[in-house]
Amino acid sequence: MEEQLTLFELEEEKTQQQKVVNVASVPHRSPFRYPGGKTWLIPVVRKWMKQGPVPKELCEPFAGGGIVGYEHTTN
């Protein structure tokens, strides 16, 4: 017979659950000086993008706040 699904957790399942980890307490490693704050890069990106044809697509590997994509669409 198939296993029956339940709407509520069984007591034995509750004890087997792992504790929730607060990601703010886990140290972050970044290749940059600190995570975030890439706005200083905008003048460099502007100059680089003016050297060639306007791209049809823009992929941001470090999207975060999306400042490069936003800047590209407003200029």
C-alpha atoms as a PDB file:
ATOM      1  CA  MET A   1       0.000   0.000   0.000  1.00  0.00           C
ATOM      2  CA  GLU A   2       1.212   3.527  -0.756  1.00  0.00           C
ATOM      3  CA  GLU A   3       2.496   5.736   2.009  1.00  0.00           C
ATOM      4  CA  GLN A   4      -0.163   8.096   3.335  1.00  0.00           C
ATOM      5  CA  LEU A   5       0.526  11.829   3.251  1.00  0.00           C
ATOM      6  CA  THR A   6      -0.245  13.899   6.329  1.00  0.00           C
ATOM      7  CA  LEU A   7      -1.232  17.507   6.774  1.00  0.00           C
ATOM      8  CA  PHE A   8       0.734  17.899   9.982  1.00  0.00           C
ATOM      9  CA  GLU A   9       4.196  16.726  10.990  1.00  0.00           C
ATOM     10  CA  LEU A  10       4.390  13.659  13.149  1.00  0.00           C
ATOM     11  CA  GLU A  11       6.167  13.991  16.507  1.00  0.00           C
ATOM     12  CA  GLU A  12       9.005  11.705  15.383  1.00  0.00           C
ATOM     13  CA  GLU A  13       9.600  13.869  12.283  1.00  0.00           C
ATOM     14  CA  LYS A  14       9.817  17.043  14.385  1.00  0.00           C
ATOM     15  CA  THR A  15      12.735  15.682  16.385  1.00  0.00           C
ATOM     16  CA  GLN A  16      14.663  14.743  13.234  1.00  0.00           C
ATOM     17  CA  GLN A  17      14.545  18.216  11.671  1.00  0.00           C
ATOM     18  CA  GLN A  18      17.755  20.225  11.517  1.00  0.00           C
ATOM     19  CA  LYS A  19      18.008  23.581  13.227  1.00  0.00           C
ATOM     20  CA  VAL A  20      17.464  26.671  11.082  1.00  0.00           C
ATOM     21  CA  VAL A  21      20.703  28.545  10.351  1.00  0.00           C
ATOM     22  CA  ASN A  22      20.742  32.332  10.507  1.00  0.00           C
ATOM     23  CA  VAL A  23      22.656  33.226   7.324  1.00  0.00           C
ATOM     24  CA  ALA A  24      23.657  36.581   8.822  1.00  0.00           C
ATOM     25  CA  SER A  25      25.759  34.687  11.371  1.00  0.00           C
ATOM     26  CA  VAL A  26      27.709  32.765   8.698  1.00  0.00           C
ATOM     27  CA  PRO A  27      30.922  34.505   7.547  1.00  0.00           C
ATOM     28  CA  HIS A  28      30.816  35.599   3.901  1.00  0.00           C
ATOM     29  CA  ARG A  29      33.829  35.515   1.621  1.00  0.00           C
ATOM     30  CA  SER A  30      34.006  37.912  -1.301  1.00  0.00           C
ATOM     31  CA  PRO A  31      36.664  38.537  -3.956  1.00  0.00           C
ATOM     32  CA  PHE A  32      35.917  42.234  -3.487  1.00  0.00           C
ATOM     33  CA  ARG A  33      36.843  44.461  -0.566  1.00  0.00           C
ATOM     34  CA  TYR A  34      33.350  43.946   0.856  1.00  0.00           C
ATOM     35  CA  PRO A  35      30.125  42.485  -0.540  1.00  0.00           C
ATOM     36  CA  GLY A  36      28.070  45.149  -2.307  1.00  0.00           C
ATOM     37  CA  GLY A  37      29.019  48.698  -3.152  1.00  0.00           C
ATOM     38  CA  LYS A  38      29.939  48.276  -6.819  1.00  0.00           C
ATOM     39  CA  THR A  39      28.580  51.720  -7.776  1.00  0.00           C
ATOM     40  CA  TRP A  40      32.164  52.949  -8.164  1.00  0.00           C
ATOM     41  CA  LEU A  41      32.417  50.578 -11.140  1.00  0.00           C
ATOM     42  CA  ILE A  42      29.790  52.451 -13.220  1.00  0.00           C
ATOM     43  CA  PRO A  43      32.218  54.913 -14.915  1.00  0.00           C
ATOM     44  CA  VAL A  44      34.470  51.999 -15.908  1.00  0.00           C
ATOM     45  CA  VAL A  45      31.530  50.014 -17.311  1.00  0.00           C
ATOM     46  CA  ARG A  46      30.233  53.062 -19.217  1.00  0.00           C
ATOM     47  CA  LYS A  47      33.620  53.576 -20.871  1.00  0.00           C
ATOM     48  CA  TRP A  48      33.949  49.874 -21.693  1.00  0.00           C
ATOM     49  CA  MET A  49      30.436  49.642 -23.189  1.00  0.00           C
ATOM     50  CA  LYS A  50      30.980  52.702 -25.406  1.00  0.00           C
ATOM     51  CA  GLN A  51      33.937  50.970 -27.093  1.00  0.00           C
ATOM     52  CA  GLY A  52      31.743  48.498 -28.993  1.00  0.00           C
ATOM     53  CA  PRO A  53      28.214  48.015 -30.307  1.00  0.00           C
ATOM     54  CA  VAL A  54      25.332  48.247 -27.838  1.00  0.00           C
ATOM     55  CA  PRO A  55      24.701  44.748 -26.470  1.00  0.00           C
ATOM     56  CA  LYS A  56      21.253  43.228 -26.982  1.00  0.00           C
ATOM     57  CA  GLU A  57      21.508  41.368 -23.684  1.00  0.00           C
ATOM     58  CA  LEU A  58      23.316  42.241 -20.480  1.00  0.00           C
ATOM     59  CA  CYS A  59      24.115  39.565 -17.894  1.00  0.00           C
ATOM     60  CA  GLU A  60      25.345  40.696 -14.495  1.00  0.00           C
ATOM     61  CA  PRO A  61      27.263  38.020 -12.603  1.00  0.00           C
ATOM     62  CA  PHE A  62      27.142  40.159  -9.451  1.00  0.00           C
ATOM     63  CA  ALA A  63      23.596  41.490  -9.879  1.00  0.00           C
ATOM     64  CA  GLY A  64      22.942  42.414  -6.254  1.00  0.00           C
ATOM     65  CA  GLY A  65      21.108  45.721  -6.547  1.00  0.00           C
ATOM     66  CA  GLY A  66      21.429  45.589 -10.339  1.00  0.00           C
ATOM     67  CA  ILE A  67      23.161  48.969 -10.620  1.00  0.00           C
ATOM     68  CA  VAL A  68      25.025  48.119 -13.858  1.00  0.00           C
ATOM     69  CA  GLY A  69      21.866  46.950 -15.645  1.00  0.00           C
ATOM     70  CA  TYR A  70      19.894  49.902 -14.316  1.00  0.00           C
ATOM     71  CA  GLU A  71      22.573  52.352 -15.419  1.00  0.00           C
ATOM     72  CA  HIS A  72      22.736  50.711 -18.859  1.00  0.00           C
ATOM     73  CA  THR A  73      18.976  51.100 -19.408  1.00  0.00           C
ATOM     74  CA  THR A  74      18.915  54.748 -18.306  1.00  0.00           C
ATOM     75  CA  ASN A  75      21.756  55.912 -20.588  1.00  0.00           C
END
